Each structure stands twice: as structure tokens, then as C-alpha cells.
């Protein structure tokens, strides 16, 4: 189905506690989200109000102004930068009239997710999030939902379900949650297999449109869609990559972060975002050509902290240096964590230094040891596969020669199989 380009008005509110400049930046991002969804911004409307109006958020006077603007210019969509309650959407649509659709930032992001979901799990996650968040707001309008034939804020795997009654929606939500639990178990099984292989796992994370997919494509020829759009990648993609030393690692591209990402959307994509939680190393990709890169990094690090992934070894990848940002600007992180490289994922500039930096991070505190393991001690080999990086195994008549990269803890567990290790002498 083809969707016509929706002409929209963006609405923001600046209360007594808000920063007007921050609101403008947020509206800039909302306009980019609208563009990604296939819409075009006709105008912006900002209400300066000490406190949000509980009925319409922006107050009756501003709603009349908005209604006139929509009527005179044949506007079919209004997008609020703040989250709206079901009753606020109903009140706004009734007051504006002319069948103008009202959605909020979260609904717009969900629409983009629906547009870009490819895998079965991604589509199910989108549908579940739409049903839990969007459906109550749509059914609360008291209007015939058959008008939702297409357009921003209405499409996706779950749009036909939104026309069902609430009881059917509840059954559908239960069924989706059940299916997603099965898929999540499968993902956990795959993750456990990766853990047993001993191959280091590196998650590529960062703000949306920072260049994560472009970087993975350059390194591995992954063939992921990489567009100058927000949330161009929704489903995680994992590819094997060989470092200059010959050591293999697993690189995983993840869904991008964004400011004002509601908690319920984070929860909806928890299994996807867990790729960052279970990674050994994080690569945080930063678009240093964007004037807002420091604020975007703050959002990224805050979300990683919420996920419980903020304490991992981290490489900061300062991307898009082909656009003139080739230095190593201050990114406001502690000196002990500020391991960073400047690259262009598009041209390949700086990629050699990136792979070297990854090797350094992976081998910090580690060393290569050749263990002599008797054939009857298979559990020791299993430990190395699980806890270290096994580079080579030679099977002999009586023992195995296992070359592995280990840290001090693993070496301590298996040092009896290291012929070069000697018991320290007592004084």
C-alpha cells in the first residue's frame, strides 16, 4: 500500500521549567521523525504556558488558533512533541475538527518502527507496542476507526487489529506476548551458544542516524539498509568480523536511541536492546558532524545506564570525519573511559585505527597461553571455550595443546595446565 505524504503541524509546549532552546531542538528532531515517516512539516506551533492544560495540553485559545490554521491550509495531521493521554487526543480532535488526526511523539516513533521492522520478532514487537499504546488512544476517540486506511500514525502490522473491539485486543496482546516469549527463549539459546564459542561480542550502539549500520556494512559487507533517516535499522544484525590478528569477533548493530524515548518503548524492545547488555564491549558511534552530538551522547549513555550496560569496556567512535570533524573533540566522559577513534564509516577513513583499538580493549589484561590439557580433562577445554578465546586446538594421543587468550582469572583456574607456570617460592 502506498501512503500519500501527510502535511502536518508540529506542536510543542514550553512550561515554566522548560528551556525554549531545548524545545526548538526537540522540534527539529520531531520534524526529522516526520520526514522519516513520509510526512512534511507545514508549520510549528509553540505554546508558552506555566503549566500544561489537563484537557488539551495547550489550552483552548491555542487550540482555536491550531484549528483555524488546519482549516485554512487543509492540514490532515497534528503531531505533539509531548505524550498525550487518550482523553487529550479525543478532546483535541473534537475541538480541531475537520477529521484532523492528532498523534504524539511516541505514536510517530511507533509508526516509523512499523515502517522499518523486517524480522518476525521486530514486527511482533511493533504490533504489541502499538496495541498497548496506540489502541487505547484510538478507541477512545469515539469515531469510526474504518477511516484508518493509511497514513502516519495508523500503519503497521497492527493496524487491522486496531479496528477490533477491546476484548479482541486483549486476546491479541496475550497471544503476542506468548509468541515473543518463545522467540526470546530462542534468542537466549543462540546467545548461550555464542557464549560457549568464546567469540567476543561487540555491540554497536548510539543515537539514531549516527552511522551504526554504515559502520557494520563497511566492516562486514552486512548489506543492511543504511539511510539518512531516523530509525532506518530496527532489527539487530550480527556478523562475524576478523581483527588484524586473525581473532574473530561478533559485531551486532542495534536500534538507535533518541531523546524522549518513552520507557514503554524501551520495554517493548527489551530483547533487542539486551544485545548491548550481554556484549563484552560497546562501540558507541557518535555523529560528531551534528552540533547536538554531546547531547545525543548524554541520551545514549543515560539509556545504557538504564539498561544496566554502562560499565562495559567502551570504544567511542567519532563518526563522519569525512564531513570535516576529523579531530578528537572532548565528548565529556571520564579520562579512564575516553578511548576513542575518529573515523568515516562511509569512506573507511580511520577504520585501521578502530580495529587496533578494538584489539587493545579485548586484550587489556589478557595474554596468549598454550595449555597442555590431558584428553581426560575435557571440562578444562569447555571452560576455555566458555570463559576465554580459543585460537587453536591440536589433538594428540595423550593431550590437547590449546592456544587461548585468557585473563588472569581464567589463567588462575587452569594454570596447572600451563607448563610455563611455576609455583611461587616461599621466602
Protein backbone atom coordinates (compact mmCIF):
# COMPACT_ATOMS: atom_id res chain seq x y z
CA UNK A 1 0.00 0.00 0.00
CA UNK A 2 1.28 3.48 -0.86
CA UNK A 3 0.82 6.29 1.60
CA UNK A 4 0.32 9.89 0.50
CA UNK A 5 2.62 12.45 2.04
CA UNK A 6 0.86 13.97 5.03
CA UNK A 7 1.08 17.71 5.59
CA UNK A 8 1.45 18.23 9.33
CA UNK A 9 1.71 20.89 12.01
CA UNK A 10 4.12 20.23 14.87
CA UNK A 11 3.10 21.41 18.33
CA UNK A 12 5.29 21.96 21.38
CA UNK A 13 4.75 23.43 24.82
CA UNK A 14 7.23 25.46 26.86
CA UNK A 15 6.34 25.50 30.56
CA UNK A 16 7.95 27.45 33.35
CA UNK A 17 10.56 24.76 33.93
CA UNK A 18 11.47 24.28 30.24
CA UNK A 19 14.26 25.71 28.12
CA UNK A 20 12.99 27.36 24.90
CA UNK A 21 16.19 26.45 23.05
CA UNK A 22 15.87 22.79 24.06
CA UNK A 23 12.27 22.79 22.84
CA UNK A 24 13.38 24.04 19.43
CA UNK A 25 15.98 21.28 19.22
CA UNK A 26 13.35 18.71 20.18
CA UNK A 27 11.00 20.08 17.49
CA UNK A 28 13.86 19.90 14.96
CA UNK A 29 14.17 16.22 15.76
CA UNK A 30 10.40 15.75 15.61
CA UNK A 31 10.46 17.25 12.11
CA UNK A 32 13.12 14.72 11.09
CA UNK A 33 10.97 11.94 12.53
CA UNK A 34 8.04 13.22 10.48
CA UNK A 35 10.19 13.26 7.35
CA UNK A 36 11.30 9.68 8.03
CA UNK A 37 7.65 8.65 8.36
CA UNK A 38 6.87 10.22 4.98
CA UNK A 39 5.31 13.47 6.13
CA UNK A 40 6.16 17.12 5.59
CA UNK A 41 6.14 19.89 8.18
CA UNK A 42 3.84 22.79 7.21
CA UNK A 43 4.31 24.83 10.39
CA UNK A 44 5.29 24.75 14.04
CA UNK A 45 3.12 25.97 16.87
CA UNK A 46 4.64 26.63 20.30
CA UNK A 47 2.59 27.39 23.39
CA UNK A 48 4.24 29.20 26.30
CA UNK A 49 2.28 28.20 29.37
CA UNK A 50 3.21 27.98 33.04
CA UNK A 51 1.51 24.58 33.39
CA UNK A 52 0.11 22.16 30.79
CA UNK A 53 -3.65 22.29 30.34
CA UNK A 54 -5.09 18.95 31.57
CA UNK A 55 -7.79 18.93 28.86
CA UNK A 56 -5.80 19.80 25.72
CA UNK A 57 -2.22 20.38 26.96
CA UNK A 58 -2.02 23.76 25.19
CA UNK A 59 -5.26 25.47 26.29
CA UNK A 60 -8.45 26.44 24.47
CA UNK A 61 -7.13 29.64 22.89
CA UNK A 62 -4.18 27.91 21.27
CA UNK A 63 -6.44 25.05 20.12
CA UNK A 64 -8.67 27.58 18.31
CA UNK A 65 -5.57 29.02 16.63
CA UNK A 66 -4.48 25.50 15.67
CA UNK A 67 -7.94 24.66 14.33
CA UNK A 68 -8.00 27.77 12.12
CA UNK A 69 -4.52 27.01 10.81
CA UNK A 70 -5.55 23.44 9.93
CA UNK A 71 -8.79 24.55 8.27
CA UNK A 72 -7.24 27.30 6.13
CA UNK A 73 -4.35 25.12 4.92
CA UNK A 74 -6.03 21.71 4.56
CA UNK A 75 -3.85 20.15 7.26
CA UNK A 76 -4.64 16.50 7.95
CA UNK A 77 -2.23 15.71 10.78
CA UNK A 78 -1.09 17.38 14.00
CA UNK A 79 1.91 15.93 15.87
CA UNK A 80 2.54 16.87 19.51
CA UNK A 81 6.09 16.72 20.88
CA UNK A 82 4.75 15.68 24.28
CA UNK A 83 2.98 12.47 25.22
CA UNK A 84 -0.80 12.85 25.14
CA UNK A 85 -3.41 10.97 27.16
CA UNK A 86 -6.35 9.26 25.39
CA UNK A 87 -8.74 11.96 26.62
CA UNK A 88 -6.44 14.76 25.42
CA UNK A 89 -6.31 13.24 21.93
CA UNK A 90 -10.10 12.89 21.90
CA UNK A 91 -10.61 16.47 23.08
CA UNK A 92 -8.09 17.90 20.61
CA UNK A 93 -9.59 16.06 17.64
CA UNK A 94 -13.10 17.17 18.58
CA UNK A 95 -12.02 20.80 19.06
CA UNK A 96 -9.89 20.99 15.90
CA UNK A 97 -12.49 19.20 13.76
CA UNK A 98 -12.28 18.55 10.00
CA UNK A 99 -11.19 14.94 10.62
CA UNK A 100 -7.68 16.11 11.51
CA UNK A 101 -5.68 13.28 13.15
CA UNK A 102 -3.79 14.08 16.35
CA UNK A 103 -0.84 11.93 17.39
CA UNK A 104 2.08 12.36 19.76
CA UNK A 105 5.82 11.75 19.53
CA UNK A 106 5.55 8.16 20.75
CA UNK A 107 2.90 7.29 18.15
CA UNK A 108 5.09 8.79 15.42
CA UNK A 109 8.08 6.71 16.53
CA UNK A 110 5.90 3.59 16.60
CA UNK A 111 4.80 4.39 13.05
CA UNK A 112 8.44 4.52 11.93
CA UNK A 113 9.11 1.26 13.74
CA UNK A 114 6.22 -0.31 11.81
CA UNK A 115 7.71 1.02 8.58
CA UNK A 116 11.16 -0.45 9.23
CA UNK A 117 10.50 -3.73 11.07
CA UNK A 118 11.76 -6.63 8.95
CA UNK A 119 12.12 -9.71 11.15
CA UNK A 120 9.17 -11.59 12.61
CA UNK A 121 10.23 -10.62 16.13
CA UNK A 122 10.50 -6.97 15.13
CA UNK A 123 7.04 -6.96 13.59
CA UNK A 124 5.54 -8.67 16.63
CA UNK A 125 7.22 -6.19 18.97
CA UNK A 126 5.86 -3.28 16.94
CA UNK A 127 2.35 -4.70 16.89
CA UNK A 128 2.39 -5.33 20.62
CA UNK A 129 3.67 -1.82 21.35
CA UNK A 130 1.03 -0.34 19.03
CA UNK A 131 -1.78 -2.26 20.70
CA UNK A 132 -0.64 -1.37 24.20
CA UNK A 133 -0.03 2.30 23.48
CA UNK A 134 -1.90 3.41 20.38
CA UNK A 135 -5.10 1.37 20.52
CA UNK A 136 -6.50 2.89 23.74
CA UNK A 137 -5.92 6.34 22.27
CA UNK A 138 -7.65 5.46 19.01
CA UNK A 139 -10.60 3.62 20.53
CA UNK A 140 -11.09 6.49 22.96
CA UNK A 141 -11.92 8.89 20.13
CA UNK A 142 -15.46 7.64 19.77
CA UNK A 143 -15.12 7.73 15.98
CA UNK A 144 -15.35 5.10 13.31
CA UNK A 145 -11.90 3.56 13.05
CA UNK A 146 -12.55 2.43 9.50
CA UNK A 147 -11.11 5.78 8.46
CA UNK A 148 -7.68 4.48 9.44
CA UNK A 149 -6.90 3.21 5.97
CA UNK A 150 -3.37 4.56 5.93
CA UNK A 151 -1.18 7.50 6.77
CA UNK A 152 1.22 8.44 9.54
CA UNK A 153 0.29 7.08 12.95
CA UNK A 154 -2.03 4.40 11.58
CA UNK A 155 0.01 1.85 9.64
CA UNK A 156 1.96 -1.21 10.65
CA UNK A 157 1.36 -4.87 11.44
CA UNK A 158 -1.29 -3.99 13.98
CA UNK A 159 -3.45 -1.53 12.06
CA UNK A 160 -6.18 -4.02 11.17
CA UNK A 161 -6.25 -5.12 14.83
CA UNK A 162 -6.99 -1.56 15.92
CA UNK A 163 -10.41 -1.89 14.32
CA UNK A 164 -11.30 -4.80 16.60
CA UNK A 165 -13.02 -4.40 19.93
CA UNK A 166 -11.14 -4.10 23.20
CA UNK A 167 -11.72 -7.72 24.19
CA UNK A 168 -10.18 -8.98 20.97
CA UNK A 169 -7.23 -6.63 21.50
CA UNK A 170 -6.61 -8.09 24.95
CA UNK A 171 -6.61 -11.61 23.50
CA UNK A 172 -4.24 -10.46 20.76
CA UNK A 173 -1.88 -8.87 23.31
CA UNK A 174 -1.77 -12.13 25.31
CA UNK A 175 -1.04 -14.11 22.12
CA UNK A 176 1.71 -11.69 21.05
CA UNK A 177 3.36 -11.78 24.46
CA UNK A 178 3.31 -15.58 24.40
CA UNK A 179 4.89 -15.73 20.94
CA UNK A 180 7.51 -13.16 21.85
CA UNK A 181 8.46 -15.17 24.96
CA UNK A 182 9.15 -18.17 22.70
CA UNK A 183 11.25 -16.03 20.35
CA UNK A 184 13.07 -14.56 23.34
CA UNK A 185 13.92 -18.08 24.56
CA UNK A 186 15.29 -18.87 21.09
CA UNK A 187 17.36 -15.70 21.23
CA UNK A 188 18.69 -16.69 24.65
CA UNK A 189 19.62 -20.13 23.29
CA UNK A 190 21.52 -18.51 20.41
CA UNK A 191 23.19 -16.13 22.84
CA UNK A 192 24.25 -19.04 25.06
CA UNK A 193 25.75 -20.78 22.00
CA UNK A 194 27.73 -17.64 21.24
CA UNK A 195 28.93 -17.54 24.84
CA UNK A 196 30.12 -21.15 24.62
CA UNK A 197 32.02 -20.37 21.44
CA UNK A 198 34.18 -17.90 23.33
CA UNK A 199 33.98 -15.39 20.47
CA UNK A 200 33.95 -11.82 21.90
CA UNK A 201 30.67 -9.97 21.38
CA UNK A 202 30.74 -6.28 20.44
CA UNK A 203 27.53 -4.22 20.35
CA UNK A 204 27.39 -1.17 18.09
CA UNK A 205 25.19 1.35 19.89
CA UNK A 206 24.45 5.05 19.66
CA UNK A 207 21.99 7.72 18.71
CA UNK A 208 19.74 7.10 15.75
CA UNK A 209 21.32 8.01 12.40
CA UNK A 210 24.83 8.19 13.89
CA UNK A 211 26.11 5.72 11.26
CA UNK A 212 25.97 2.38 13.08
CA UNK A 213 24.64 0.40 10.12
CA UNK A 214 27.05 2.10 7.73
CA UNK A 215 29.92 1.08 10.00
CA UNK A 216 28.80 -2.56 10.18
CA UNK A 217 28.33 -2.59 6.41
CA UNK A 218 31.84 -1.26 5.85
CA UNK A 219 33.43 -3.78 8.22
CA UNK A 220 31.48 -6.89 7.22
CA UNK A 221 29.58 -6.24 3.97
CA UNK A 222 26.43 -6.93 6.00
CA UNK A 223 24.19 -5.32 3.40
CA UNK A 224 22.00 -3.57 5.97
CA UNK A 225 19.78 -0.71 4.84
CA UNK A 226 21.70 2.47 5.76
CA UNK A 227 19.78 5.66 5.03
CA UNK A 228 19.98 9.26 6.20
CA UNK A 229 16.78 8.65 8.15
CA UNK A 230 15.96 8.16 11.82
CA UNK A 231 15.47 4.52 12.90
CA UNK A 232 16.47 3.15 9.48
CA UNK A 233 17.53 -0.01 11.36
CA UNK A 234 15.18 -1.63 13.84
CA UNK A 235 16.10 -5.32 13.90
CA UNK A 236 19.53 -6.28 15.30
CA UNK A 237 22.01 -7.77 12.84
CA UNK A 238 25.04 -9.83 13.92
CA UNK A 239 28.03 -10.51 11.68
CA UNK A 240 31.43 -12.08 12.29
CA UNK A 241 34.47 -9.85 11.81
CA UNK A 242 38.14 -10.79 11.80
CA UNK A 243 40.60 -8.48 13.53
CA UNK A 244 44.10 -7.96 12.05
CA UNK A 245 45.47 -10.59 14.48
CA UNK A 246 43.10 -13.15 12.95
CA UNK A 247 40.91 -13.19 16.05
CA UNK A 248 37.19 -13.37 15.25
CA UNK A 249 34.60 -11.18 16.95
CA UNK A 250 30.82 -10.83 16.62
CA UNK A 251 29.56 -7.34 15.76
CA UNK A 252 25.89 -6.55 16.40
CA UNK A 253 24.10 -3.49 15.06
CA UNK A 254 21.32 -2.30 17.39
CA UNK A 255 18.31 0.01 17.23
CA UNK A 256 19.25 3.66 17.67
CA UNK A 257 18.47 5.78 20.71
CA UNK A 258 16.64 9.11 20.72
CA UNK A 259 15.72 11.80 23.23
CA UNK A 260 12.33 11.47 24.92
CA UNK A 261 12.23 7.74 24.13
CA UNK A 262 9.35 6.62 26.38
CA UNK A 263 10.02 3.87 28.90
CA UNK A 264 7.29 1.66 27.42
CA UNK A 265 9.10 1.66 24.06
CA UNK A 266 12.35 0.64 25.74
CA UNK A 267 10.46 -2.19 27.45
CA UNK A 268 8.83 -3.26 24.18
CA UNK A 269 12.24 -3.75 22.56
CA UNK A 270 14.00 -5.10 25.64
CA UNK A 271 15.12 -8.33 23.95
CA UNK A 272 16.63 -6.33 21.09
CA UNK A 273 18.36 -3.88 23.41
CA UNK A 274 19.67 -6.78 25.50
CA UNK A 275 22.30 -7.22 22.78
CA UNK A 276 24.06 -4.30 24.46
CA UNK A 277 23.55 -5.78 27.92
CA UNK A 278 25.17 -9.13 27.03
CA UNK A 279 28.00 -7.71 24.92
CA UNK A 280 31.61 -7.88 26.07
CA UNK A 281 32.48 -4.49 24.54
CA UNK A 282 30.42 -1.49 23.45
CA UNK A 283 31.18 0.66 20.42
CA UNK A 284 29.31 3.93 20.88
CA UNK A 285 29.03 5.61 17.50
CA UNK A 286 28.76 9.41 17.63
CA UNK A 287 27.97 11.69 14.71
CA UNK A 288 30.43 14.47 15.50
CA UNK A 289 29.26 16.44 12.45
CA UNK A 290 25.97 17.04 14.28
CA UNK A 291 26.06 20.16 16.51
CA UNK A 292 24.00 18.21 19.04
CA UNK A 293 26.44 15.30 19.37
CA UNK A 294 27.23 15.93 23.05
CA UNK A 295 23.54 15.98 23.99
CA UNK A 296 22.99 12.85 21.88
CA UNK A 297 25.84 11.09 23.67
CA UNK A 298 24.27 12.00 27.02
CA UNK A 299 21.00 10.41 25.90
CA UNK A 300 22.86 7.28 24.74
CA UNK A 301 24.82 6.87 27.97
CA UNK A 302 21.73 7.50 30.10
CA UNK A 303 19.78 4.79 28.26
CA UNK A 304 22.72 2.38 28.53
CA UNK A 305 22.75 3.04 32.26
CA UNK A 306 19.01 2.28 32.45
CA UNK A 307 19.65 -0.99 30.61
CA UNK A 308 22.45 -1.91 33.01
CA UNK A 309 25.14 -1.82 30.32
CA UNK A 310 27.06 1.31 31.26
CA UNK A 311 30.03 -0.35 32.99
CA UNK A 312 31.39 -2.26 29.99
CA UNK A 313 34.68 -1.59 28.18
CA UNK A 314 33.77 1.10 25.64
CA UNK A 315 35.21 2.44 22.41
CA UNK A 316 33.86 5.83 21.37
CA UNK A 317 33.70 6.00 17.57
CA UNK A 318 33.61 9.62 16.41
CA UNK A 319 31.99 9.13 13.03
CA UNK A 320 31.54 11.23 9.86
CA UNK A 321 35.02 12.76 9.95
CA UNK A 322 34.71 12.98 6.14
CA UNK A 323 32.39 15.92 6.83
CA UNK A 324 35.21 17.91 8.39
CA UNK A 325 35.11 16.70 12.00
CA UNK A 326 38.36 14.70 11.98
CA UNK A 327 39.79 15.73 15.32
CA UNK A 328 39.17 14.11 18.67
CA UNK A 329 36.87 16.64 20.34
CA UNK A 330 36.02 16.44 24.02
CA UNK A 331 32.99 14.23 24.49
CA UNK A 332 32.66 14.80 28.21
CA UNK A 333 33.47 11.31 29.51
CA UNK A 334 35.92 10.35 32.28
CA UNK A 335 39.54 10.15 31.14
CA UNK A 336 39.83 6.49 32.10
CA UNK A 337 36.97 5.64 29.74
CA UNK A 338 37.82 8.05 26.93
CA UNK A 339 39.23 5.53 24.49
CA UNK A 340 38.17 6.96 21.15
CA UNK A 341 38.89 6.96 17.43
CA UNK A 342 37.80 9.27 14.62
CA UNK A 343 36.51 7.51 11.53
CA UNK A 344 34.37 7.83 8.46
CA UNK A 345 32.20 4.73 8.18
CA UNK A 346 31.29 5.92 4.69
CA UNK A 347 34.83 6.23 3.26
CA UNK A 348 36.77 3.92 5.59
CA UNK A 349 38.97 6.67 6.97
CA UNK A 350 40.31 5.71 10.42
CA UNK A 351 38.99 2.12 10.28
CA UNK A 352 42.50 0.67 10.74
CA UNK A 353 42.87 2.57 13.99
CA UNK A 354 39.40 1.40 15.05
CA UNK A 355 40.30 -2.28 14.63
CA UNK A 356 43.56 -1.73 16.51
CA UNK A 357 41.67 -0.06 19.35
CA UNK A 358 39.24 -3.00 19.50
CA UNK A 359 42.17 -5.39 19.80
CA UNK A 360 43.64 -3.32 22.61
CA UNK A 361 40.36 -3.32 24.52
CA UNK A 362 39.84 -7.06 24.06
CA UNK A 363 43.38 -7.87 25.17
CA UNK A 364 43.61 -5.48 28.12
CA UNK A 365 44.92 -7.63 30.96
CA UNK A 366 44.91 -10.73 28.75
CA UNK A 367 47.64 -12.92 27.32
CA UNK A 368 48.01 -15.87 24.98
CA UNK A 369 48.78 -19.19 26.69
CA UNK A 370 49.28 -22.69 25.29
CA UNK A 371 47.61 -25.10 27.71
CA UNK A 372 48.58 -28.78 27.78
CA UNK A 373 45.31 -30.49 28.71
CA UNK A 374 45.12 -34.29 29.15
CA UNK A 375 42.46 -35.91 26.97
CA UNK A 376 40.54 -36.94 30.07
CA UNK A 377 40.19 -33.29 31.20
CA UNK A 378 37.61 -32.21 28.65
CA UNK A 379 35.94 -29.93 31.22
CA UNK A 380 39.01 -27.66 31.13
CA UNK A 381 38.61 -27.23 27.37
CA UNK A 382 34.95 -26.44 27.89
CA UNK A 383 35.94 -23.78 30.44
CA UNK A 384 38.27 -22.16 27.92
CA UNK A 385 35.56 -22.11 25.25
CA UNK A 386 33.17 -20.56 27.74
CA UNK A 387 35.45 -18.11 29.56
CA UNK A 388 38.21 -17.26 27.06
CA UNK A 389 39.03 -17.00 23.36
CA UNK A 390 40.26 -20.30 21.95
CA UNK A 391 42.50 -19.69 18.94
CA UNK A 392 43.67 -23.24 18.17
CA UNK A 393 43.37 -26.85 19.39
CA UNK A 394 45.84 -29.62 18.48
CA UNK A 395 44.70 -33.12 19.46
CA UNK A 396 47.39 -35.61 20.43
CA UNK A 397 47.40 -39.21 21.62
CA UNK A 398 47.54 -38.22 25.30
CA UNK A 399 46.78 -34.50 25.49
CA UNK A 400 45.45 -31.45 23.71
CA UNK A 401 47.52 -28.32 23.04
CA UNK A 402 45.04 -25.46 23.39
CA UNK A 403 46.10 -21.95 22.44
CA UNK A 404 43.81 -19.44 24.15
CA UNK A 405 43.68 -15.76 25.08
CA UNK A 406 42.86 -15.62 28.79
CA UNK A 407 42.62 -13.07 31.58
CA UNK A 408 44.21 -13.53 34.99
CA UNK A 409 41.09 -15.10 36.48
CA UNK A 410 40.78 -17.85 33.86
CA UNK A 411 44.54 -18.47 33.90
CA UNK A 412 44.33 -18.91 37.67
CA UNK A 413 41.61 -21.52 37.22
CA UNK A 414 43.64 -23.56 34.68
CA UNK A 415 47.26 -22.68 35.49
CA UNK A 416 48.05 -26.33 36.33
CA UNK A 417 47.79 -27.00 32.58
CA UNK A 418 50.28 -24.21 31.74
CA UNK A 419 53.79 -25.76 31.57
CA UNK A 420 55.40 -22.31 31.87
CA UNK A 421 53.73 -21.57 35.15
CA UNK A 422 55.68 -22.29 38.30
CA UNK A 423 54.57 -22.25 41.92
CA UNK A 424 55.89 -19.10 43.64
CA UNK A 425 58.68 -19.94 46.12
CA UNK A 426 58.13 -19.15 49.76
CA UNK A 427 60.69 -16.92 51.48
